[in-house]
């Protein structure tokens, strides 16, 4: 367990994929209003795939590390596959038990990704309830 906790701290202290893209295909901001964690996600999309991404934000170690971990997984991902990712994917990346109070923190990156894809496709964002109910 300590090894996984150290991995979270490493991603929090040295986030991967952090930054901004100059001309993203889509930029989306997502916030966890219950705690103030926030992410801005930039995606560069070509031929139905995420080819580049960058993000920046503020928040707890769980939300920031989870976004860092997810950012390593997404380049090359087809949009359809990214759109259908389940919350368990985020929990598997973190590899530590996440209690109910921290679940929104862990799922913030996934929620931001799905709403960024919706925005890119001209669709309305979905509420947090949808992401949590998928768990």
Foldseek 3Di string as FASTA:
>chain_A
DVVLVVLLVCCLVVFAQADDDPDALFWFKDADVVFGWIKIKGFHDDPQAGQGIHMDTDDDSQLRSLLSQVRVVGHGHGLVVLLPDALVVLVVSSVDDDDPVCSCSSCRNSLRSNQRSCVSVVHHRDDPVVRVVSD
